[in-house]
């Protein structure tokens, strides 16, 4: 059904997912990946849809009380969540 036939070889690369949390939200990603999956309270970082386009080659994600910060391979930082607790780094 998948186009594989007997005798074909299939190679898979599996990466361990990483997680970070705020008080009321979670973020999951794979090192070097281009997507961070978030869920939970949107005011605590549970909604990352506004920054998904910036989350490319994610190296690390850290959570505060109500915000997340992602460090990318080029050294830049993307933040989301509560602006009062670090979710808005646009002035930096």
N, C-alpha and C. Protein backbone atom coordinates (compact mmCIF):
# COMPACT_ATOMS: atom_id res chain seq x y z
N UNK A 1 0.82 -1.20 0.00
CA UNK A 1 0.00 0.00 0.00
C UNK A 1 0.86 1.26 0.00
N UNK A 2 2.05 1.18 0.60
CA UNK A 2 2.92 2.35 0.67
C UNK A 2 3.90 2.40 -0.50
N UNK A 3 3.76 1.51 -1.46
CA UNK A 3 4.67 1.49 -2.59
C UNK A 3 5.91 0.65 -2.35
N UNK A 4 5.97 -0.03 -1.22
CA UNK A 4 7.10 -0.91 -0.91
C UNK A 4 6.80 -2.30 -1.42
N UNK A 5 7.84 -2.95 -1.88
CA UNK A 5 7.67 -4.31 -2.34
C UNK A 5 8.64 -5.20 -1.58
N UNK A 6 8.38 -6.47 -1.59
CA UNK A 6 9.26 -7.42 -0.91
C UNK A 6 10.68 -7.25 -1.42
N UNK A 7 11.62 -7.16 -0.48
CA UNK A 7 13.01 -6.97 -0.83
C UNK A 7 13.46 -5.52 -0.80
N UNK A 8 12.50 -4.57 -0.75
CA UNK A 8 12.86 -3.14 -0.66
C UNK A 8 13.44 -2.86 0.73
N UNK A 9 14.25 -1.83 0.82
CA UNK A 9 14.84 -1.40 2.08
C UNK A 9 14.21 -0.07 2.49
N UNK A 10 14.05 0.09 3.76
CA UNK A 10 13.49 1.32 4.32
C UNK A 10 14.42 1.81 5.42
N UNK A 11 14.83 3.05 5.34
CA UNK A 11 15.70 3.62 6.36
C UNK A 11 14.93 4.71 7.10
N UNK A 12 14.99 4.67 8.41
CA UNK A 12 14.31 5.68 9.23
C UNK A 12 15.32 6.29 10.20
N UNK A 13 15.20 7.59 10.38
CA UNK A 13 16.03 8.28 11.35
C UNK A 13 15.10 8.74 12.47
N UNK A 14 15.40 8.30 13.66
CA UNK A 14 14.54 8.62 14.80
C UNK A 14 15.30 9.55 15.73
N UNK A 15 14.66 10.65 16.09
CA UNK A 15 15.24 11.58 17.04
C UNK A 15 14.40 11.59 18.30
N UNK A 16 15.07 11.74 19.40
CA UNK A 16 14.36 11.81 20.67
C UNK A 16 13.76 13.20 20.83
N UNK A 17 12.49 13.24 21.12
CA UNK A 17 11.82 14.53 21.32
C UNK A 17 12.26 15.13 22.65
N UNK A 18 12.35 16.45 22.67
CA UNK A 18 12.69 17.20 23.88
C UNK A 18 11.46 17.94 24.34
N UNK A 19 11.38 18.21 25.64
CA UNK A 19 10.23 18.94 26.18
C UNK A 19 10.67 20.05 27.10
N UNK A 20 9.85 21.09 27.14
CA UNK A 20 10.01 22.19 28.09
C UNK A 20 8.61 22.56 28.57
N UNK A 21 8.54 23.24 29.70
CA UNK A 21 7.23 23.58 30.25
C UNK A 21 7.26 24.94 30.93
N UNK A 22 6.09 25.58 30.91
CA UNK A 22 5.84 26.74 31.75
C UNK A 22 4.88 26.25 32.83
N UNK A 23 4.29 27.14 33.56
CA UNK A 23 3.35 26.70 34.61
C UNK A 23 2.13 26.00 34.05
N UNK A 24 1.69 26.43 32.86
CA UNK A 24 0.43 25.90 32.32
C UNK A 24 0.49 25.49 30.85
N UNK A 25 1.70 25.30 30.33
CA UNK A 25 1.83 24.93 28.91
C UNK A 25 3.07 24.07 28.70
N UNK A 26 3.09 23.38 27.58
CA UNK A 26 4.20 22.49 27.24
C UNK A 26 4.66 22.75 25.82
N UNK A 27 5.93 22.48 25.56
CA UNK A 27 6.50 22.59 24.21
C UNK A 27 7.33 21.35 23.95
N UNK A 28 7.21 20.79 22.76
CA UNK A 28 7.96 19.60 22.38
C UNK A 28 8.60 19.87 21.03
N UNK A 29 9.88 19.45 20.87
CA UNK A 29 10.62 19.67 19.64
C UNK A 29 11.71 18.63 19.51
N UNK A 30 12.26 18.52 18.33
CA UNK A 30 13.44 17.69 18.08
C UNK A 30 14.60 18.61 17.74
N UNK A 31 15.76 18.29 18.26
CA UNK A 31 16.97 19.09 18.03
C UNK A 31 17.18 19.27 16.53
N UNK A 32 17.33 20.50 16.10
CA UNK A 32 17.54 20.79 14.69
C UNK A 32 16.28 20.82 13.86
N UNK A 33 15.14 20.64 14.50
CA UNK A 33 13.88 20.57 13.78
C UNK A 33 13.33 21.93 13.41
N UNK A 34 12.29 21.91 12.58
CA UNK A 34 11.67 23.14 12.09
C UNK A 34 10.26 23.31 12.62
N UNK A 35 9.96 22.68 13.72
CA UNK A 35 8.63 22.83 14.29
C UNK A 35 8.68 22.58 15.78
N UNK A 36 7.95 23.40 16.51
CA UNK A 36 7.77 23.21 17.94
C UNK A 36 6.28 23.00 18.15
N UNK A 37 5.90 21.92 18.79
CA UNK A 37 4.50 21.63 19.07
C UNK A 37 4.22 22.12 20.49
N UNK A 38 3.20 22.96 20.63
CA UNK A 38 2.86 23.49 21.95
C UNK A 38 1.41 23.21 22.27
N UNK A 39 1.11 23.10 23.55
CA UNK A 39 -0.27 22.93 24.01
C UNK A 39 -0.38 23.42 25.43
N UNK A 40 -1.62 23.69 25.83
CA UNK A 40 -1.89 24.21 27.16
C UNK A 40 -2.46 25.62 27.08
N UNK A 41 -2.34 26.34 28.15
CA UNK A 41 -2.87 27.70 28.27
C UNK A 41 -2.16 28.63 27.28
N UNK A 42 -2.91 29.24 26.39
CA UNK A 42 -2.30 30.09 25.35
C UNK A 42 -1.58 31.29 25.95
N UNK A 43 -2.03 31.79 27.11
CA UNK A 43 -1.36 32.92 27.76
C UNK A 43 -0.08 32.52 28.47
N UNK A 44 0.18 31.23 28.53
CA UNK A 44 1.40 30.72 29.15
C UNK A 44 2.32 30.05 28.13
N UNK A 45 2.11 30.35 26.85
CA UNK A 45 2.96 29.80 25.79
C UNK A 45 2.38 28.60 25.07
N UNK A 46 1.15 28.23 25.38
CA UNK A 46 0.53 27.06 24.76
C UNK A 46 0.15 27.25 23.31
N UNK A 47 0.22 28.49 22.81
CA UNK A 47 -0.10 28.77 21.40
C UNK A 47 1.12 29.44 20.77
N UNK A 48 1.83 28.72 19.93
CA UNK A 48 3.02 29.25 19.27
C UNK A 48 2.78 29.57 17.79
N UNK A 49 1.52 29.61 17.38
CA UNK A 49 1.21 29.79 15.96
C UNK A 49 1.76 31.09 15.39
N UNK A 50 1.85 32.14 16.18
CA UNK A 50 2.34 33.43 15.69
C UNK A 50 3.84 33.40 15.35
N UNK A 51 4.58 32.44 15.91
CA UNK A 51 6.03 32.39 15.68
C UNK A 51 6.49 31.12 14.97
N UNK A 52 5.57 30.24 14.59
CA UNK A 52 5.97 28.97 13.96
C UNK A 52 6.85 29.18 12.74
N UNK A 53 6.59 30.21 11.96
CA UNK A 53 7.38 30.48 10.78
C UNK A 53 8.83 30.84 11.08
N UNK A 54 9.10 31.28 12.30
CA UNK A 54 10.46 31.64 12.71
C UNK A 54 11.21 30.48 13.33
N UNK A 55 10.51 29.43 13.69
CA UNK A 55 11.12 28.31 14.42
C UNK A 55 11.76 27.33 13.44
N UNK A 56 12.98 27.65 13.02
CA UNK A 56 13.73 26.83 12.07
C UNK A 56 15.05 26.43 12.69
N UNK A 57 15.38 25.15 12.62
CA UNK A 57 16.63 24.62 13.16
C UNK A 57 16.75 24.91 14.66
N UNK A 58 15.72 24.52 15.39
CA UNK A 58 15.64 24.76 16.83
C UNK A 58 16.68 23.91 17.57
N UNK A 59 17.46 24.55 18.41
CA UNK A 59 18.49 23.87 19.19
C UNK A 59 18.03 23.58 20.61
N UNK A 60 17.27 24.52 21.17
CA UNK A 60 16.85 24.38 22.57
C UNK A 60 15.63 25.25 22.82
N UNK A 61 14.78 24.83 23.75
CA UNK A 61 13.64 25.63 24.19
C UNK A 61 13.66 25.65 25.71
N UNK A 62 13.47 26.83 26.28
CA UNK A 62 13.40 27.00 27.73
C UNK A 62 12.09 27.68 28.08
N UNK A 63 11.53 27.29 29.21
CA UNK A 63 10.30 27.89 29.68
C UNK A 63 10.53 28.71 30.94
N UNK A 64 9.77 29.80 31.07
CA UNK A 64 9.72 30.56 32.31
C UNK A 64 8.38 30.26 32.95
N UNK A 65 7.91 31.10 33.82
CA UNK A 65 6.60 30.89 34.42
C UNK A 65 5.48 30.85 33.41
N UNK A 66 5.53 31.77 32.40
CA UNK A 66 4.44 31.85 31.44
C UNK A 66 4.90 32.16 30.01
N UNK A 67 6.15 31.84 29.67
CA UNK A 67 6.65 32.11 28.32
C UNK A 67 7.74 31.11 27.95
N UNK A 68 7.96 30.99 26.64
CA UNK A 68 9.03 30.12 26.12
C UNK A 68 10.02 30.94 25.31
N UNK A 69 11.25 30.47 25.26
CA UNK A 69 12.28 31.03 24.40
C UNK A 69 12.95 29.88 23.67
N UNK A 70 13.04 30.00 22.35
CA UNK A 70 13.71 28.98 21.53
C UNK A 70 15.01 29.56 21.00
N UNK A 71 16.09 28.80 21.14
CA UNK A 71 17.37 29.20 20.59
C UNK A 71 17.57 28.47 19.27
N UNK A 72 17.85 29.22 18.21
CA UNK A 72 18.02 28.64 16.89
C UNK A 72 19.51 28.44 16.59
N UNK A 73 19.81 27.68 15.55
CA UNK A 73 21.19 27.35 15.20
C UNK A 73 22.04 28.58 14.91
N UNK A 74 21.42 29.63 14.39
CA UNK A 74 22.18 30.84 14.07
C UNK A 74 22.38 31.75 15.27
N UNK A 75 21.92 31.31 16.45
CA UNK A 75 22.09 32.08 17.68
C UNK A 75 20.96 33.01 18.00
N UNK A 76 20.01 33.15 17.09
CA UNK A 76 18.87 34.02 17.37
C UNK A 76 17.91 33.35 18.33
N UNK A 77 17.07 34.17 18.94
CA UNK A 77 16.11 33.68 19.95
C UNK A 77 14.71 34.09 19.53
N UNK A 78 13.77 33.16 19.62
CA UNK A 78 12.37 33.41 19.32
C UNK A 78 11.60 33.18 20.62
N UNK A 79 10.74 34.13 20.98
CA UNK A 79 9.98 34.01 22.22
C UNK A 79 8.48 34.08 21.94
N UNK A 80 7.70 33.47 22.83
CA UNK A 80 6.24 33.54 22.77
C UNK A 80 5.67 33.25 24.14
N UNK A 81 4.42 33.64 24.32
CA UNK A 81 3.75 33.48 25.61
C UNK A 81 3.46 34.84 26.22
N UNK A 82 3.43 34.92 27.52
CA UNK A 82 3.12 36.16 28.23
C UNK A 82 4.22 37.19 28.01
N UNK A 83 3.86 38.34 27.46
CA UNK A 83 4.84 39.40 27.20
C UNK A 83 5.48 39.88 28.51
N UNK A 84 4.72 39.89 29.58
CA UNK A 84 5.23 40.36 30.87
C UNK A 84 6.25 39.41 31.47
N UNK A 85 6.27 38.16 31.00
CA UNK A 85 7.19 37.17 31.56
C UNK A 85 8.18 36.63 30.53
N UNK A 86 8.48 37.45 29.53
CA UNK A 86 9.52 37.09 28.56
C UNK A 86 9.04 36.65 27.21
N UNK A 87 7.74 36.65 26.96
CA UNK A 87 7.22 36.17 25.69
C UNK A 87 7.31 37.14 24.54
N UNK A 88 7.78 38.36 24.79
CA UNK A 88 7.93 39.34 23.72
C UNK A 88 9.35 39.91 23.79
N UNK A 89 10.17 39.50 22.84
CA UNK A 89 11.55 39.98 22.80
C UNK A 89 11.79 40.91 21.61
N UNK A 90 10.72 41.49 21.08
CA UNK A 90 10.84 42.32 19.88
C UNK A 90 11.68 43.57 20.12
N UNK A 91 11.80 44.04 21.34
CA UNK A 91 12.59 45.25 21.63
C UNK A 91 14.07 44.94 21.77
N UNK A 92 14.43 43.67 21.77
CA UNK A 92 15.84 43.29 21.96
C UNK A 92 16.55 43.18 20.63
